[in-house]
N, C-alpha and C. Protein backbone atom coordinates (compact mmCIF):
# COMPACT_ATOMS: atom_id res chain seq x y z
N MET A 1 76.98 35.04 101.56
CA MET A 1 76.23 35.91 102.44
C MET A 1 77.09 37.08 102.92
N LYS A 2 78.31 36.78 103.39
CA LYS A 2 79.20 37.83 103.86
C LYS A 2 79.59 38.76 102.71
N ARG A 3 79.77 38.18 101.54
CA ARG A 3 80.15 38.96 100.37
C ARG A 3 79.03 39.94 100.00
N ASP A 4 77.79 39.49 100.07
CA ASP A 4 76.65 40.35 99.77
C ASP A 4 76.55 41.50 100.77
N LEU A 5 76.84 41.23 102.02
CA LEU A 5 76.80 42.26 103.05
C LEU A 5 77.88 43.31 102.81
N LYS A 6 79.07 42.87 102.43
CA LYS A 6 80.15 43.82 102.13
C LYS A 6 79.80 44.67 100.91
N LYS A 7 79.21 44.04 99.91
CA LYS A 7 78.81 44.76 98.70
C LYS A 7 77.75 45.81 99.04
N PHE A 8 76.77 45.42 99.85
CA PHE A 8 75.73 46.36 100.27
C PHE A 8 76.33 47.53 101.05
N GLY A 9 77.26 47.24 101.95
CA GLY A 9 77.92 48.28 102.73
C GLY A 9 78.68 49.25 101.86
N ALA A 10 79.37 48.73 100.86
CA ALA A 10 80.13 49.58 99.95
C ALA A 10 79.20 50.48 99.14
N ILE A 11 78.11 49.93 98.66
CA ILE A 11 77.15 50.73 97.89
C ILE A 11 76.51 51.79 98.78
N ALA A 12 76.16 51.43 100.00
CA ALA A 12 75.56 52.39 100.92
C ALA A 12 76.53 53.54 101.22
N LEU A 13 77.80 53.22 101.39
CA LEU A 13 78.81 54.25 101.65
C LEU A 13 78.94 55.19 100.46
N ILE A 14 78.94 54.66 99.26
CA ILE A 14 79.03 55.49 98.06
C ILE A 14 77.83 56.42 97.95
N VAL A 15 76.65 55.91 98.23
CA VAL A 15 75.44 56.74 98.16
C VAL A 15 75.51 57.86 99.19
N VAL A 16 75.92 57.56 100.40
CA VAL A 16 76.02 58.58 101.46
C VAL A 16 77.03 59.65 101.07
N LEU A 17 78.16 59.25 100.53
CA LEU A 17 79.17 60.23 100.11
C LEU A 17 78.66 61.11 98.99
N CYS A 18 77.98 60.54 98.02
CA CYS A 18 77.43 61.33 96.91
C CYS A 18 76.41 62.34 97.41
N VAL A 19 75.56 61.93 98.30
CA VAL A 19 74.54 62.84 98.84
C VAL A 19 75.19 63.94 99.66
N SER A 20 76.20 63.61 100.44
CA SER A 20 76.85 64.63 101.28
C SER A 20 77.61 65.65 100.45
N PHE A 21 78.15 65.25 99.32
CA PHE A 21 78.83 66.21 98.45
C PHE A 21 77.84 67.10 97.72
N ALA A 22 76.66 66.62 97.45
CA ALA A 22 75.65 67.40 96.75
C ALA A 22 74.92 68.35 97.69
N ALA A 23 74.91 68.09 98.96
CA ALA A 23 74.14 68.88 99.92
C ALA A 23 74.52 70.36 99.95
N PRO A 24 75.79 70.75 99.99
CA PRO A 24 76.11 72.18 100.02
C PRO A 24 75.63 72.93 98.80
N SER A 25 75.75 72.35 97.63
CA SER A 25 75.29 73.04 96.44
C SER A 25 73.78 73.16 96.42
N LEU A 26 73.08 72.18 96.94
CA LEU A 26 71.63 72.26 97.02
C LEU A 26 71.20 73.30 98.03
N ALA A 27 71.93 73.44 99.10
CA ALA A 27 71.61 74.44 100.12
C ALA A 27 71.75 75.84 99.57
N ALA A 28 72.75 76.08 98.76
CA ALA A 28 72.97 77.40 98.19
C ALA A 28 71.89 77.76 97.19
N GLN A 29 71.24 76.79 96.58
CA GLN A 29 70.23 77.06 95.58
C GLN A 29 68.87 77.39 96.16
N GLN A 30 68.66 77.19 97.44
CA GLN A 30 67.33 77.41 97.99
C GLN A 30 67.02 78.88 98.25
N PHE A 31 67.99 79.75 98.21
CA PHE A 31 67.76 81.17 98.47
C PHE A 31 67.60 81.92 97.15
N THR A 32 66.53 82.69 97.05
CA THR A 32 66.20 83.33 95.77
C THR A 32 66.99 84.60 95.50
N ASP A 33 67.60 85.20 96.50
CA ASP A 33 68.28 86.48 96.28
C ASP A 33 69.79 86.37 96.16
N ILE A 34 70.36 85.19 96.20
CA ILE A 34 71.81 85.05 96.08
C ILE A 34 72.33 85.43 94.69
N PRO A 35 71.69 85.00 93.60
CA PRO A 35 72.25 85.33 92.28
C PRO A 35 72.29 86.82 91.97
N THR A 36 71.56 87.64 92.72
CA THR A 36 71.49 89.06 92.41
C THR A 36 72.48 89.90 93.20
N THR A 37 73.23 89.32 94.08
CA THR A 37 74.12 90.10 94.93
C THR A 37 75.55 90.10 94.39
N TRP A 38 76.26 91.15 94.65
CA TRP A 38 77.66 91.25 94.22
C TRP A 38 78.55 90.33 95.04
N ALA A 39 78.10 89.90 96.21
CA ALA A 39 78.89 89.06 97.10
C ALA A 39 78.47 87.59 97.01
N LYS A 40 78.01 87.16 95.85
CA LYS A 40 77.48 85.81 95.66
C LYS A 40 78.43 84.73 96.14
N ASP A 41 79.70 84.79 95.76
CA ASP A 41 80.66 83.76 96.14
C ASP A 41 80.87 83.71 97.66
N ALA A 42 80.98 84.87 98.27
CA ALA A 42 81.19 84.93 99.71
C ALA A 42 79.96 84.43 100.47
N VAL A 43 78.78 84.77 100.00
CA VAL A 43 77.55 84.33 100.65
C VAL A 43 77.41 82.82 100.53
N GLU A 44 77.69 82.26 99.35
CA GLU A 44 77.61 80.81 99.18
C GLU A 44 78.62 80.09 100.07
N TYR A 45 79.82 80.66 100.21
CA TYR A 45 80.83 80.07 101.10
C TYR A 45 80.32 80.06 102.54
N ALA A 46 79.74 81.17 102.96
CA ALA A 46 79.24 81.27 104.33
C ALA A 46 78.09 80.30 104.59
N ILE A 47 77.23 80.11 103.61
CA ILE A 47 76.12 79.16 103.75
C ILE A 47 76.65 77.74 103.84
N GLU A 48 77.57 77.39 102.94
CA GLU A 48 78.12 76.03 102.90
C GLU A 48 78.84 75.66 104.18
N ASN A 49 79.43 76.64 104.85
CA ASN A 49 80.20 76.37 106.07
C ASN A 49 79.41 76.65 107.34
N GLY A 50 78.12 76.91 107.22
CA GLY A 50 77.27 77.09 108.38
C GLY A 50 77.45 78.42 109.09
N ILE A 51 78.07 79.38 108.44
CA ILE A 51 78.30 80.69 109.05
C ILE A 51 77.05 81.56 108.92
N LEU A 52 76.33 81.37 107.83
CA LEU A 52 75.19 82.22 107.50
C LEU A 52 73.96 81.36 107.25
N VAL A 53 72.83 81.79 107.78
CA VAL A 53 71.57 81.08 107.53
C VAL A 53 70.52 82.12 107.17
N GLY A 54 69.74 81.85 106.18
CA GLY A 54 68.69 82.78 105.78
C GLY A 54 67.34 82.36 106.34
N TYR A 55 66.32 83.08 105.92
CA TYR A 55 64.96 82.75 106.32
C TYR A 55 64.01 83.20 105.23
N ASN A 56 62.86 82.57 105.16
CA ASN A 56 61.84 82.87 104.15
C ASN A 56 62.39 82.79 102.73
N GLY A 57 63.35 81.90 102.49
CA GLY A 57 63.90 81.71 101.16
C GLY A 57 64.84 82.80 100.70
N LYS A 58 65.28 83.66 101.62
CA LYS A 58 66.19 84.75 101.27
C LYS A 58 67.31 84.88 102.29
N ILE A 59 68.41 85.46 101.85
CA ILE A 59 69.54 85.78 102.72
C ILE A 59 69.50 87.26 103.10
N ASN A 60 69.02 88.10 102.21
CA ASN A 60 69.00 89.56 102.39
C ASN A 60 70.39 90.11 102.68
N PRO A 61 71.34 89.92 101.77
CA PRO A 61 72.71 90.35 102.02
C PRO A 61 72.90 91.86 102.05
N ASP A 62 71.97 92.61 101.48
CA ASP A 62 72.11 94.06 101.44
C ASP A 62 71.53 94.73 102.68
N GLU A 63 70.99 93.96 103.60
CA GLU A 63 70.40 94.55 104.81
C GLU A 63 71.30 94.36 106.00
């Protein structure tokens, strides 16, 4: 019983870590105007670190 609980805890931890590592890349993909800007890398960095937030599916980096 204890062994099963430890196994479940380990699997749950692995799943949480995998999801948390995927979250920043998924967040960067939700904006439609990022691939067209010259500052793509900087904008993605700002989004991943919570510095920049867009609206209506766009960042509007040229405005």
